[in-house]
Amino acid sequence: MENIEQTERDLMERSRQIATLGEYFAWLQRCNELIKKLEERSRVRRSRLSIGSRQSLIAKIARLEGAKSRLQRRFIPSDGDYSDDNNVERLVWREINTAFDNRILTGAVINANHSEPRQFLEDAEDIVLEQIQDVIKRHNSVNTVFNDEFVS
């Protein structure tokens, strides 16, 4: 697990230093590989992971997805617009894993660039409500957990 912890720290630190498209693509490949490992680890049947450990894996995936989103907006044009445009969508829903024949779904709202918690929650409201309503339609119930990290 220490290797994964160190790799995540390295990727997050490196994400703040990327200056070229080539560096971005190399970073993206490493990031996707780590996300895949984290997802595999969180889905292992008969895993001895505690709920806290599983939530930690999910938080790592969400942090990495957020960094990916920020870098993508910076390096990849979208319909001719670049990341500095305020009209670019800043929040994305990401299903992270499923378990028990899709009866337990885990998802996250990926924060691309909010630094103010209140604004993030207001902006995320529609995405979260839409996802929760969809789950309730399919499964008649839902449990939610809020896990946040804001750095100014």
Foldseek 3Di string as FASTA:
>chain_A
DVVLVVLLVVLLVVLVVDDDPVSLVVSVVSLVVSLVVLLCLLADPPDPDDPVRSVVSVVSNLSSVLSNLLVCQQHPDDPNHGNVDPVPDQWDKAWRYAYDVRLDTDIDIRGNDDQDVVVVCVSCVVVVVVVQVVSCVVRVDDDDDDDDDHDD
